[in-house]
PDB file of N, CA and C in Angstrom:
ATOM      1  N   UNK A   1      34.162 126.208-219.550  1.00  0.00           N
ATOM      2  CA  UNK A   1      34.457 127.298-218.664  1.00  0.00           C
ATOM      3  C   UNK A   1      33.786 128.544-219.206  1.00  0.00           C
ATOM      4  N   UNK A   2      33.355 129.381-218.309  1.00  0.00           N
ATOM      5  CA  UNK A   2      32.781 130.659-218.686  1.00  0.00           C
ATOM      6  C   UNK A   2      33.852 131.729-218.547  1.00  0.00           C
ATOM      7  N   UNK A   3      33.844 132.678-219.431  1.00  0.00           N
ATOM      8  CA  UNK A   3      34.797 133.774-219.376  1.00  0.00           C
ATOM      9  C   UNK A   3      34.033 135.076-219.513  1.00  0.00           C
ATOM     10  N   UNK A   4      34.430 136.048-218.753  1.00  0.00           N
ATOM     11  CA  UNK A   4      33.804 137.365-218.832  1.00  0.00           C
ATOM     12  C   UNK A   4      34.837 138.408-218.466  1.00  0.00           C
ATOM     13  N   UNK A   5      34.423 139.635-218.444  1.00  0.00           N
ATOM     14  CA  UNK A   5      35.313 140.718-218.059  1.00  0.00           C
ATOM     15  C   UNK A   5      35.270 140.847-216.542  1.00  0.00           C
ATOM     16  N   UNK A   6      36.436 140.829-215.931  1.00  0.00           N
ATOM     17  CA  UNK A   6      36.545 141.028-214.488  1.00  0.00           C
ATOM     18  C   UNK A   6      37.286 142.327-214.233  1.00  0.00           C
ATOM     19  N   UNK A   7      36.615 143.254-213.564  1.00  0.00           N
ATOM     20  CA  UNK A   7      37.281 144.481-213.152  1.00  0.00           C
ATOM     21  C   UNK A   7      38.092 144.193-211.898  1.00  0.00           C
ATOM     22  N   UNK A   8      39.205 144.876-211.744  1.00  0.00           N
ATOM     23  CA  UNK A   8      40.023 144.717-210.546  1.00  0.00           C
ATOM     24  C   UNK A   8      40.775 146.014-210.283  1.00  0.00           C
ATOM     25  N   UNK A   9      41.296 146.139-209.087  1.00  0.00           N
ATOM     26  CA  UNK A   9      42.065 147.307-208.707  1.00  0.00           C
ATOM     27  C   UNK A   9      43.116 146.884-207.697  1.00  0.00           C
ATOM     28  N   UNK A  10      43.883 147.829-207.235  1.00  0.00           N
ATOM     29  CA  UNK A  10      44.883 147.525-206.215  1.00  0.00           C
ATOM     30  C   UNK A  10      44.175 147.210-204.900  1.00  0.00           C
ATOM     31  N   UNK A  11      44.682 146.254-204.179  1.00  0.00           N
ATOM     32  CA  UNK A  11      44.091 145.872-202.892  1.00  0.00           C
ATOM     33  C   UNK A  11      44.077 147.051-201.923  1.00  0.00           C
ATOM     34  N   UNK A  12      45.015 147.956-202.077  1.00  0.00           N
ATOM     35  CA  UNK A  12      45.117 149.114-201.187  1.00  0.00           C
ATOM     36  C   UNK A  12      44.151 150.245-201.540  1.00  0.00           C
ATOM     37  N   UNK A  13      43.396 150.104-202.634  1.00  0.00           N
ATOM     38  CA  UNK A  13      42.471 151.153-203.063  1.00  0.00           C
ATOM     39  C   UNK A  13      41.174 151.036-202.267  1.00  0.00           C
ATOM     40  N   UNK A  14      41.044 151.868-201.248  1.00  0.00           N
ATOM     41  CA  UNK A  14      39.904 151.780-200.333  1.00  0.00           C
ATOM     42  C   UNK A  14      38.609 152.326-200.942  1.00  0.00           C
ATOM     43  N   UNK A  15      38.703 153.263-201.884  1.00  0.00           N
ATOM     44  CA  UNK A  15      37.492 153.893-202.404  1.00  0.00           C
ATOM     45  C   UNK A  15      36.874 153.155-203.592  1.00  0.00           C
ATOM     46  N   UNK A  16      37.385 151.967-203.934  1.00  0.00           N
ATOM     47  CA  UNK A  16      36.816 151.162-205.021  1.00  0.00           C
ATOM     48  C   UNK A  16      36.465 149.786-204.479  1.00  0.00           C
ATOM     49  N   UNK A  17      35.152 149.528-204.371  1.00  0.00           N
ATOM     50  CA  UNK A  17      34.703 148.209-203.920  1.00  0.00           C
ATOM     51  C   UNK A  17      33.596 147.647-204.802  1.00  0.00           C
ATOM     52  N   UNK A  18      33.088 148.456-205.719  1.00  0.00           N
ATOM     53  CA  UNK A  18      32.027 148.031-206.642  1.00  0.00           C
ATOM     54  C   UNK A  18      32.292 148.672-208.001  1.00  0.00           C
ATOM     55  N   UNK A  19      31.780 148.064-209.073  1.00  0.00           N
ATOM     56  CA  UNK A  19      32.022 148.626-210.404  1.00  0.00           C
ATOM     57  C   UNK A  19      31.645 150.098-210.533  1.00  0.00           C
ATOM     58  N   UNK A  20      30.584 150.528-209.874  1.00  0.00           N
ATOM     59  CA  UNK A  20      30.155 151.933-209.970  1.00  0.00           C
ATOM     60  C   UNK A  20      31.232 152.884-209.465  1.00  0.00           C
ATOM     61  N   UNK A  21      32.076 152.394-208.562  1.00  0.00           N
ATOM     62  CA  UNK A  21      33.149 153.230-208.019  1.00  0.00           C
ATOM     63  C   UNK A  21      34.205 153.573-209.064  1.00  0.00           C
ATOM     64  N   UNK A  22      34.228 152.847-210.167  1.00  0.00           N
ATOM     65  CA  UNK A  22      35.190 153.115-211.239  1.00  0.00           C
ATOM     66  C   UNK A  22      34.624 154.039-212.317  1.00  0.00           C
ATOM     67  N   UNK A  23      33.354 154.430-212.199  1.00  0.00           N
ATOM     68  CA  UNK A  23      32.741 155.313-213.191  1.00  0.00           C
ATOM     69  C   UNK A  23      33.502 156.632-213.271  1.00  0.00           C
ATOM     70  N   UNK A  24      33.822 157.022-214.495  1.00  0.00           N
ATOM     71  CA  UNK A  24      34.533 158.271-214.729  1.00  0.00           C
ATOM     72  C   UNK A  24      36.025 158.189-214.499  1.00  0.00           C
ATOM     73  N   UNK A  25      36.510 157.012-214.107  1.00  0.00           N
ATOM     74  CA  UNK A  25      37.940 156.845-213.854  1.00  0.00           C
ATOM     75  C   UNK A  25      38.571 156.076-215.018  1.00  0.00           C
ATOM     76  N   UNK A  26      39.872 156.184-215.150  1.00  0.00           N
ATOM     77  CA  UNK A  26      40.580 155.524-216.231  1.00  0.00           C
ATOM     78  C   UNK A  26      40.844 154.064-215.891  1.00  0.00           C
ATOM     79  N   UNK A  27      40.503 153.180-216.836  1.00  0.00           N
ATOM     80  CA  UNK A  27      40.693 151.741-216.683  1.00  0.00           C
ATOM     81  C   UNK A  27      41.731 151.299-217.709  1.00  0.00           C
ATOM     82  N   UNK A  28      42.624 150.428-217.307  1.00  0.00           N
ATOM     83  CA  UNK A  28      43.639 149.913-218.224  1.00  0.00           C
ATOM     84  C   UNK A  28      43.965 148.475-217.881  1.00  0.00           C
ATOM     85  N   UNK A  29      44.906 147.901-218.585  1.00  0.00           N
ATOM     86  CA  UNK A  29      45.281 146.517-218.307  1.00  0.00           C
ATOM     87  C   UNK A  29      46.721 146.385-217.837  1.00  0.00           C
ATOM     88  N   UNK A  30      47.454 147.469-217.855  1.00  0.00           N
ATOM     89  CA  UNK A  30      48.825 147.444-217.340  1.00  0.00           C
ATOM     90  C   UNK A  30      49.073 148.782-216.663  1.00  0.00           C
ATOM     91  N   UNK A  31      50.146 148.880-215.965  1.00  0.00           N
ATOM     92  CA  UNK A  31      50.558 150.106-215.281  1.00  0.00           C
ATOM     93  C   UNK A  31      49.599 150.523-214.180  1.00  0.00           C
ATOM     94  N   UNK A  32      48.825 149.583-213.671  1.00  0.00           N
ATOM     95  CA  UNK A  32      47.932 149.858-212.556  1.00  0.00           C
ATOM     96  C   UNK A  32      48.748 150.161-211.298  1.00  0.00           C
ATOM     97  N   UNK A  33      49.799 149.372-211.084  1.00  0.00           N
ATOM     98  CA  UNK A  33      50.634 149.570-209.894  1.00  0.00           C
ATOM     99  C   UNK A  33      51.377 150.905-209.916  1.00  0.00           C
ATOM    100  N   UNK A  34      51.598 151.469-211.091  1.00  0.00           N
ATOM    101  CA  UNK A  34      52.275 152.755-211.184  1.00  0.00           C
ATOM    102  C   UNK A  34      51.314 153.922-210.941  1.00  0.00           C
ATOM    103  N   UNK A  35      50.040 153.621-210.728  1.00  0.00           N
ATOM    104  CA  UNK A  35      49.060 154.657-210.445  1.00  0.00           C
ATOM    105  C   UNK A  35      48.506 155.360-211.669  1.00  0.00           C
ATOM    106  N   UNK A  36      48.735 154.805-212.853  1.00  0.00           N
ATOM    107  CA  UNK A  36      48.243 155.451-214.077  1.00  0.00           C
ATOM    108  C   UNK A  36      46.776 155.145-214.350  1.00  0.00           C
ATOM    109  N   UNK A  37      46.259 154.099-213.702  1.00  0.00           N
ATOM    110  CA  UNK A  37      44.871 153.708-213.875  1.00  0.00           C
ATOM    111  C   UNK A  37      44.238 153.462-212.506  1.00  0.00           C
ATOM    112  N   UNK A  38      42.940 153.689-212.423  1.00  0.00           N
ATOM    113  CA  UNK A  38      42.215 153.419-211.176  1.00  0.00           C
ATOM    114  C   UNK A  38      41.845 151.950-211.061  1.00  0.00           C
ATOM    115  N   UNK A  39      41.755 151.283-212.195  1.00  0.00           N
ATOM    116  CA  UNK A  39      41.379 149.876-212.199  1.00  0.00           C
ATOM    117  C   UNK A  39      41.808 149.216-213.488  1.00  0.00           C
ATOM    118  N   UNK A  40      41.638 147.915-213.523  1.00  0.00           N
ATOM    119  CA  UNK A  40      41.975 147.147-214.702  1.00  0.00           C
ATOM    120  C   UNK A  40      40.820 146.274-215.113  1.00  0.00           C
ATOM    121  N   UNK A  41      40.907 145.699-216.302  1.00  0.00           N
ATOM    122  CA  UNK A  41      39.890 144.792-216.820  1.00  0.00           C
ATOM    123  C   UNK A  41      40.599 143.671-217.554  1.00  0.00           C
ATOM    124  N   UNK A  42      40.328 142.442-217.136  1.00  0.00           N
ATOM    125  CA  UNK A  42      40.930 141.260-217.758  1.00  0.00           C
ATOM    126  C   UNK A  42      39.878 140.166-217.801  1.00  0.00           C
ATOM    127  N   UNK A  43      40.222 139.073-218.458  1.00  0.00           N
ATOM    128  CA  UNK A  43      39.343 137.916-218.463  1.00  0.00           C
ATOM    129  C   UNK A  43      39.166 137.374-217.050  1.00  0.00           C
ATOM    130  N   UNK A  44      37.966 136.943-216.739  1.00  0.00           N
ATOM    131  CA  UNK A  44      37.664 136.473-215.385  1.00  0.00           C
ATOM    132  C   UNK A  44      38.494 135.264-214.977  1.00  0.00           C
ATOM    133  N   UNK A  45      39.038 134.549-215.951  1.00  0.00           N
ATOM    134  CA  UNK A  45      39.851 133.385-215.620  1.00  0.00           C
ATOM    135  C   UNK A  45      41.315 133.767-215.363  1.00  0.00           C
ATOM    136  N   UNK A  46      41.720 134.990-215.701  1.00  0.00           N
ATOM    137  CA  UNK A  46      43.115 135.388-215.501  1.00  0.00           C
ATOM    138  C   UNK A  46      43.333 136.210-214.236  1.00  0.00           C
ATOM    139  N   UNK A  47      42.334 136.935-213.782  1.00  0.00           N
ATOM    140  CA  UNK A  47      42.504 137.777-212.587  1.00  0.00           C
ATOM    141  C   UNK A  47      42.861 136.940-211.351  1.00  0.00           C
ATOM    142  N   UNK A  48      42.181 135.824-211.071  1.00  0.00           N
ATOM    143  CA  UNK A  48      42.583 135.038-209.899  1.00  0.00           C
ATOM    144  C   UNK A  48      44.039 134.562-209.978  1.00  0.00           C
ATOM    145  N   UNK A  49      44.492 134.184-211.168  1.00  0.00           N
ATOM    146  CA  UNK A  49      45.877 133.746-211.331  1.00  0.00           C
ATOM    147  C   UNK A  49      46.839 134.905-211.070  1.00  0.00           C
ATOM    148  N   UNK A  50      46.534 136.068-211.616  1.00  0.00           N
ATOM    149  CA  UNK A  50      47.358 137.249-211.387  1.00  0.00           C
ATOM    150  C   UNK A  50      47.445 137.547-209.892  1.00  0.00           C
ATOM    151  N   UNK A  51      46.342 137.356-209.190  1.00  0.00           N
ATOM    152  CA  UNK A  51      46.324 137.619-207.753  1.00  0.00           C
ATOM    153  C   UNK A  51      47.215 136.629-206.989  1.00  0.00           C
ATOM    154  N   UNK A  52      47.381 135.401-207.504  1.00  0.00           N
ATOM    155  CA  UNK A  52      48.277 134.453-206.834  1.00  0.00           C
ATOM    156  C   UNK A  52      49.754 134.782-207.110  1.00  0.00           C
ATOM    157  N   UNK A  53      50.016 135.392-208.254  1.00  0.00           N
ATOM    158  CA  UNK A  53      51.395 135.764-208.582  1.00  0.00           C
ATOM    159  C   UNK A  53      51.896 136.907-207.701  1.00  0.00           C
ATOM    160  N   UNK A  54      50.975 137.804-207.342  1.00  0.00           N
ATOM    161  CA  UNK A  54      51.322 138.958-206.516  1.00  0.00           C
ATOM    162  C   UNK A  54      50.302 139.071-205.383  1.00  0.00           C
ATOM    163  N   UNK A  55      50.440 138.225-204.359  1.00  0.00           N
ATOM    164  CA  UNK A  55      49.469 138.222-203.257  1.00  0.00           C
ATOM    165  C   UNK A  55      49.316 139.599-202.606  1.00  0.00           C
ATOM    166  N   UNK A  56      48.080 139.906-202.242  1.00  0.00           N
ATOM    167  CA  UNK A  56      47.740 141.156-201.540  1.00  0.00           C
ATOM    168  C   UNK A  56      48.009 142.410-202.365  1.00  0.00           C
ATOM    169  N   UNK A  57      48.120 142.255-203.686  1.00  0.00           N
ATOM    170  CA  UNK A  57      48.367 143.407-204.559  1.00  0.00           C
ATOM    171  C   UNK A  57      47.085 143.883-205.226  1.00  0.00           C
ATOM    172  N   UNK A  58      46.248 142.940-205.663  1.00  0.00           N
ATOM    173  CA  UNK A  58      45.029 143.277-206.400  1.00  0.00           C
ATOM    174  C   UNK A  58      43.797 142.725-205.693  1.00  0.00           C
ATOM    175  N   UNK A  59      42.644 143.301-206.028  1.00  0.00           N
ATOM    176  CA  UNK A  59      41.369 142.767-205.558  1.00  0.00           C
ATOM    177  C   UNK A  59      40.358 142.872-206.697  1.00  0.00           C
ATOM    178  N   UNK A  60      39.472 141.881-206.822  1.00  0.00           N
ATOM    179  CA  UNK A  60      38.432 141.967-207.849  1.00  0.00           C
ATOM    180  C   UNK A  60      37.408 143.024-207.459  1.00  0.00           C
ATOM    181  N   UNK A  61      36.775 143.598-208.457  1.00  0.00           N
ATOM    182  CA  UNK A  61      35.738 144.600-208.235  1.00  0.00           C
ATOM    183  C   UNK A  61      34.465 144.071-208.872  1.00  0.00           C
ATOM    184  N   UNK A  62      33.506 143.669-208.061  1.00  0.00           N
ATOM    185  CA  UNK A  62      32.255 143.134-208.571  1.00  0.00           C
ATOM    186  C   UNK A  62      32.429 141.743-209.163  1.00  0.00           C
ATOM    187  N   UNK A  63      31.409 141.303-209.866  1.00  0.00           N
ATOM    188  CA  UNK A  63      31.394 139.997-210.516  1.00  0.00           C
ATOM    189  C   UNK A  63      31.719 140.165-212.004  1.00  0.00           C
ATOM    190  N   UNK A  64      32.218 139.103-212.652  1.00  0.00           N
ATOM    191  CA  UNK A  64      32.474 139.175-214.095  1.00  0.00           C
ATOM    192  C   UNK A  64      31.188 139.487-214.872  1.00  0.00           C
ATOM    193  N   UNK A  65      31.333 140.151-216.004  1.00  0.00           N
ATOM    194  CA  UNK A  65      30.165 140.463-216.837  1.00  0.00           C
ATOM    195  C   UNK A  65      30.499 140.245-218.309  1.00  0.00           C
ATOM    196  N   UNK A  66      29.462 140.194-219.140  1.00  0.00           N
ATOM    197  CA  UNK A  66      29.655 140.045-220.580  1.00  0.00           C
ATOM    198  C   UNK A  66      30.276 138.724-220.958  1.00  0.00           C
ATOM    199  N   UNK A  67      29.883 137.673-220.312  1.00  0.00           N
ATOM    200  CA  UNK A  67      30.534 136.379-220.465  1.00  0.00           C
ATOM    201  C   UNK A  67      30.334 135.660-221.782  1.00  0.00           C
ATOM    202  N   UNK A  68      31.225 134.738-222.009  1.00  0.00           N
ATOM    203  CA  UNK A  68      31.160 133.840-223.160  1.00  0.00           C
ATOM    204  C   UNK A  68      31.557 132.451-222.693  1.00  0.00           C
ATOM    205  N   UNK A  69      30.887 131.449-223.191  1.00  0.00           N
ATOM    206  CA  UNK A  69      31.236 130.081-222.830  1.00  0.00           C
ATOM    207  C   UNK A  69      32.406 129.605-223.675  1.00  0.00           C
ATOM    208  N   UNK A  70      33.340 128.937-223.017  1.00  0.00           N
ATOM    209  CA  UNK A  70      34.497 128.362-223.693  1.00  0.00           C
ATOM    210  C   UNK A  70      34.299 126.852-223.731  1.00  0.00           C
ATOM    211  N   UNK A  71      34.866 126.211-224.701  1.00  0.00           N
ATOM    212  CA  UNK A  71      34.715 124.762-224.790  1.00  0.00           C
ATOM    213  C   UNK A  71      35.776 124.154-225.683  1.00  0.00           C
ATOM    214  N   UNK A  72      35.545 122.917-226.056  1.00  0.00           N
ATOM    215  CA  UNK A  72      36.462 122.195-226.939  1.00  0.00           C
ATOM    216  C   UNK A  72      35.757 121.906-228.255  1.00  0.00           C
ATOM    217  N   UNK A  73      36.503 121.960-229.319  1.00  0.00           N
ATOM    218  CA  UNK A  73      35.941 121.671-230.636  1.00  0.00           C
ATOM    219  C   UNK A  73      36.428 120.312-231.119  1.00  0.00           C
ATOM    220  N   UNK A  74      35.540 119.582-231.748  1.00  0.00           N
ATOM    221  CA  UNK A  74      35.857 118.280-232.331  1.00  0.00           C
ATOM    222  C   UNK A  74      35.309 118.251-233.744  1.00  0.00           C
ATOM    223  N   UNK A  75      36.001 117.561-234.615  1.00  0.00           N
ATOM    224  CA  UNK A  75      35.489 117.382-235.977  1.00  0.00           C
ATOM    225  C   UNK A  75      34.177 116.605-235.892  1.00  0.00           C
ATOM    226  N   UNK A  76      33.205 116.979-236.702  1.00  0.00           N
ATOM    227  CA  UNK A  76      31.915 116.276-236.687  1.00  0.00           C
ATOM    228  C   UNK A  76      32.081 114.789-236.939  1.00  0.00           C
ATOM    229  N   UNK A  77      33.080 114.448-237.730  1.00  0.00           N
ATOM    230  CA  UNK A  77      33.314 113.042-238.052  1.00  0.00           C
ATOM    231  C   UNK A  77      33.947 112.265-236.896  1.00  0.00           C
ATOM    232  N   UNK A  78      34.390 112.987-235.860  1.00  0.00           N
ATOM    233  CA  UNK A  78      35.072 112.322-234.750  1.00  0.00           C
ATOM    234  C   UNK A  78      34.199 112.292-233.494  1.00  0.00           C
ATOM    235  N   UNK A  79      32.997 111.811-233.640  1.00  0.00           N
ATOM    236  CA  UNK A  79      32.059 111.719-232.516  1.00  0.00           C
ATOM    237  C   UNK A  79      32.591 110.802-231.420  1.00  0.00           C
ATOM    238  N   UNK A  80      33.391 109.805-231.785  1.00  0.00           N
ATOM    239  CA  UNK A  80      33.928 108.872-230.790  1.00  0.00           C
ATOM    240  C   UNK A  80      34.860 109.611-229.816  1.00  0.00           C
ATOM    241  N   UNK A  81      35.722 110.476-230.320  1.00  0.00           N
ATOM    242  CA  UNK A  81      36.607 111.251-229.461  1.00  0.00           C
ATOM    243  C   UNK A  81      35.794 112.217-228.602  1.00  0.00           C
ATOM    244  N   UNK A  82      34.838 112.900-229.223  1.00  0.00           N
ATOM    245  CA  UNK A  82      33.984 113.832-228.476  1.00  0.00           C
ATOM    246  C   UNK A  82      33.300 113.119-227.322  1.00  0.00           C
ATOM    247  N   UNK A  83      32.734 111.955-227.594  1.00  0.00           N
ATOM    248  CA  UNK A  83      32.012 111.215-226.557  1.00  0.00           C
ATOM    249  C   UNK A  83      32.948 110.710-225.462  1.00  0.00           C
ATOM    250  N   UNK A  84      34.175 110.353-225.823  1.00  0.00           N
ATOM    251  CA  UNK A  84      35.158 109.914-224.823  1.00  0.00           C
ATOM    252  C   UNK A  84      35.526 111.068-223.891  1.00  0.00           C
ATOM    253  N   UNK A  85      35.762 112.240-224.466  1.00  0.00           N
ATOM    254  CA  UNK A  85      36.090 113.412-223.653  1.00  0.00           C
ATOM    255  C   UNK A  85      34.886 113.806-222.800  1.00  0.00           C
ATOM    256  N   UNK A  86      33.703 113.757-223.372  1.00  0.00           N
ATOM    257  CA  UNK A  86      32.482 114.066-222.629  1.00  0.00           C
ATOM    258  C   UNK A  86      32.319 113.119-221.441  1.00  0.00           C
ATOM    259  N   UNK A  87      32.537 111.840-221.671  1.00  0.00           N
ATOM    260  CA  UNK A  87      32.432 110.858-220.596  1.00  0.00           C
ATOM    261  C   UNK A  87      33.441 111.118-219.490  1.00  0.00           C
ATOM    262  N   UNK A  88      34.667 111.443-219.872  1.00  0.00           N
ATOM    263  CA  UNK A  88      35.706 111.737-218.881  1.00  0.00           C
ATOM    264  C   UNK A  88      35.358 112.994-218.091  1.00  0.00           C
ATOM    265  N   UNK A  89      34.837 114.003-218.786  1.00  0.00           N
ATOM    266  CA  UNK A  89      34.477 115.238-218.092  1.00  0.00           C
ATOM    267  C   UNK A  89      33.309 115.003-217.139  1.00  0.00           C
ATOM    268  N   UNK A  90      32.325 114.229-217.562  1.00  0.00           N
ATOM    269  CA  UNK A  90      31.205 113.908-216.675  1.00  0.00           C
ATOM    270  C   UNK A  90      31.697 113.192-215.415  1.00  0.00           C
ATOM    271  N   UNK A  91      32.686 112.315-215.608  1.00  0.00           N
ATOM    272  CA  UNK A  91      33.236 111.561-214.467  1.00  0.00           C
ATOM    273  C   UNK A  91      33.908 112.500-213.469  1.00  0.00           C
ATOM    274  N   UNK A  92      34.777 113.405-213.940  1.00  0.00           N
ATOM    275  CA  UNK A  92      35.461 114.304-213.012  1.00  0.00           C
ATOM    276  C   UNK A  92      34.506 115.322-212.392  1.00  0.00           C
ATOM    277  N   UNK A  93      33.426 115.649-213.112  1.00  0.00           N
ATOM    278  CA  UNK A  93      32.411 116.535-212.528  1.00  0.00           C
ATOM    279  C   UNK A  93      31.657 115.809-211.425  1.00  0.00           C
ATOM    280  N   UNK A  94      31.304 114.552-211.669  1.00  0.00           N
ATOM    281  CA  UNK A  94      30.520 113.779-210.702  1.00  0.00           C
ATOM    282  C   UNK A  94      31.318 113.426-209.446  1.00  0.00           C
ATOM    283  N   UNK A  95      32.620 113.155-209.591  1.00  0.00           N
ATOM    284  CA  UNK A  95      33.394 112.727-208.419  1.00  0.00           C
ATOM    285  C   UNK A  95      34.025 113.885-207.637  1.00  0.00           C
ATOM    286  N   UNK A  96      33.759 115.119-208.064  1.00  0.00           N
ATOM    287  CA  UNK A  96      34.256 116.279-207.329  1.00  0.00           C
ATOM    288  C   UNK A  96      35.611 116.795-207.775  1.00  0.00           C
ATOM    289  N   UNK A  97      36.265 116.117-208.713  1.00  0.00           N
ATOM    290  CA  UNK A  97      37.584 116.554-209.165  1.00  0.00           C
ATOM    291  C   UNK A  97      37.511 117.923-209.837  1.00  0.00           C
ATOM    292  N   UNK A  98      36.492 118.126-210.678  1.00  0.00           N
ATOM    293  CA  UNK A  98      36.335 119.419-211.360  1.00  0.00           C
ATOM    294  C   UNK A  98      36.181 120.537-210.330  1.00  0.00           C
ATOM    295  N   UNK A  99      35.331 120.344-209.344  1.00  0.00           N
ATOM    296  CA  UNK A  99      35.126 121.354-208.305  1.00  0.00           C
ATOM    297  C   UNK A  99      36.416 121.631-207.540  1.00  0.00           C
ATOM    298  N   UNK A 100      37.199 120.599-207.292  1.00  0.00           N
ATOM    299  CA  UNK A 100      38.493 120.767-206.602  1.00  0.00           C
ATOM    300  C   UNK A 100      39.450 121.623-207.412  1.00  0.00           C
ATOM    301  N   UNK A 101      39.530 121.358-208.701  1.00  0.00           N
ATOM    302  CA  UNK A 101      40.421 122.129-209.578  1.00  0.00           C
ATOM    303  C   UNK A 101      39.967 123.585-209.635  1.00  0.00           C
ATOM    304  N   UNK A 102      38.675 123.785-209.782  1.00  0.00           N
ATOM    305  CA  UNK A 102      38.113 125.139-209.822  1.00  0.00           C
ATOM    306  C   UNK A 102      38.447 125.881-208.533  1.00  0.00           C
ATOM    307  N   UNK A 103      38.275 125.223-207.380  1.00  0.00           N
ATOM    308  CA  UNK A 103      38.566 125.852-206.090  1.00  0.00           C
ATOM    309  C   UNK A 103      40.060 126.138-205.937  1.00  0.00           C
ATOM    310  N   UNK A 104      40.909 125.192-206.369  1.00  0.00           N
ATOM    311  CA  UNK A 104      42.354 125.370-206.246  1.00  0.00           C
ATOM    312  C   UNK A 104      42.815 126.638-206.944  1.00  0.00           C
ATOM    313  N   UNK A 105      42.238 126.910-208.098  1.00  0.00           N
ATOM    314  CA  UNK A 105      42.649 128.075-208.888  1.00  0.00           C
ATOM    315  C   UNK A 105      41.720 129.274-208.700  1.00  0.00           C
ATOM    316  N   UNK A 106      40.807 129.192-207.729  1.00  0.00           N
ATOM    317  CA  UNK A 106      39.888 130.283-207.396  1.00  0.00           C
ATOM    318  C   UNK A 106      39.085 130.762-208.613  1.00  0.00           C
ATOM    319  N   UNK A 107      38.542 129.808-209.356  1.00  0.00           N
ATOM    320  CA  UNK A 107      37.802 130.111-210.582  1.00  0.00           C
ATOM    321  C   UNK A 107      36.299 129.859-210.447  1.00  0.00           C
ATOM    322  N   UNK A 108      35.772 129.969-209.237  1.00  0.00           N
ATOM    323  CA  UNK A 108      34.362 129.665-209.028  1.00  0.00           C
ATOM    324  C   UNK A 108      33.442 130.482-209.936  1.00  0.00           C
ATOM    325  N   UNK A 109      33.780 131.734-210.194  1.00  0.00           N
ATOM    326  CA  UNK A 109      32.913 132.555-211.046  1.00  0.00           C
ATOM    327  C   UNK A 109      32.991 132.141-212.514  1.00  0.00           C
ATOM    328  N   UNK A 110      33.995 131.339-212.888  1.00  0.00           N
ATOM    329  CA  UNK A 110      34.134 130.893-214.274  1.00  0.00           C
ATOM    330  C   UNK A 110      33.697 129.443-214.482  1.00  0.00           C
ATOM    331  N   UNK A 111      33.374 128.747-213.412  1.00  0.00           N
ATOM    332  CA  UNK A 111      33.010 127.326-213.514  1.00  0.00           C
ATOM    333  C   UNK A 111      31.716 127.138-214.298  1.00  0.00           C
ATOM    334  N   UNK A 112      31.662 126.063-215.065  1.00  0.00           N
ATOM    335  CA  UNK A 112      30.415 125.759-215.768  1.00  0.00           C
ATOM    336  C   UNK A 112      29.441 125.134-214.781  1.00  0.00           C
ATOM    337  N   UNK A 113      28.184 125.442-214.970  1.00  0.00           N
ATOM    338  CA  UNK A 113      27.137 124.900-214.091  1.00  0.00           C
ATOM    339  C   UNK A 113      26.494 123.669-214.718  1.00  0.00           C
ATOM    340  N   UNK A 114      26.526 123.594-216.050  1.00  0.00           N
ATOM    341  CA  UNK A 114      25.871 122.501-216.769  1.00  0.00           C
ATOM    342  C   UNK A 114      26.726 122.103-217.959  1.00  0.00           C
ATOM    343  N   UNK A 115      27.041 120.815-218.075  1.00  0.00           N
ATOM    344  CA  UNK A 115      27.790 120.304-219.221  1.00  0.00           C
ATOM    345  C   UNK A 115      26.860 120.339-220.427  1.00  0.00           C
ATOM    346  N   UNK A 116      27.368 120.805-221.560  1.00  0.00           N
ATOM    347  CA  UNK A 116      26.557 120.878-222.778  1.00  0.00           C
ATOM    348  C   UNK A 116      27.385 120.466-223.996  1.00  0.00           C
ATOM    349  N   UNK A 117      26.707 119.931-224.987  1.00  0.00           N
ATOM    350  CA  UNK A 117      27.324 119.619-226.280  1.00  0.00           C
ATOM    351  C   UNK A 117      26.533 120.390-227.338  1.00  0.00           C
ATOM    352  N   UNK A 118      27.238 121.226-228.077  1.00  0.00           N
ATOM    353  CA  UNK A 118      26.603 122.072-229.102  1.00  0.00           C
ATOM    354  C   UNK A 118      25.454 122.885-228.506  1.00  0.00           C
ATOM    355  N   UNK A 119      25.642 123.356-227.280  1.00  0.00           N
ATOM    356  CA  UNK A 119      24.631 124.189-226.621  1.00  0.00           C
ATOM    357  C   UNK A 119      23.489 123.432-225.985  1.00  0.00           C
ATOM    358  N   UNK A 120      23.478 122.108-226.136  1.00  0.00           N
ATOM    359  CA  UNK A 120      22.401 121.293-225.557  1.00  0.00           C
ATOM    360  C   UNK A 120      22.883 120.692-224.245  1.00  0.00           C
ATOM    361  N   UNK A 121      22.206 121.001-223.138  1.00  0.00           N
ATOM    362  CA  UNK A 121      22.615 120.457-221.846  1.00  0.00           C
ATOM    363  C   UNK A 121      22.620 118.933-221.836  1.00  0.00           C
ATOM    364  N   UNK A 122      23.643 118.388-221.202  1.00  0.00           N
ATOM    365  CA  UNK A 122      23.763 116.925-221.052  1.00  0.00           C
ATOM    366  C   UNK A 122      23.127 116.515-219.721  1.00  0.00           C
ATOM    367  N   UNK A 123      22.538 115.342-219.717  1.00  0.00           N
ATOM    368  CA  UNK A 123      21.933 114.852-218.459  1.00  0.00           C
ATOM    369  C   UNK A 123      23.001 114.504-217.427  1.00  0.00           C
TER     370      UNK A 123
END
């Protein structure tokens, strides 16, 4: 999964629709609903979830930026486990299950485009 910074604001904030609209304004991660901040910044994988907890309260502003790839770590000596997990992940990617999960949780901007092991793309 990819993770980046996702800006967001209250859904009712009409004058903020792009990141540039937040320039010069105060950004925070809490107390947005109390009007203390014009926008917030959280991980791109958490904003969609927050939006499901409080429907019609928040809206994303622009696309995530400054991303980092997330993954799973395995001991070098445990290549068998790594390969088993890799095989299972390839299977769910190929049969559409991964895409379904990503869509269910509205994480399209965080979805991986290419499976990789140690930074090397897998066929």
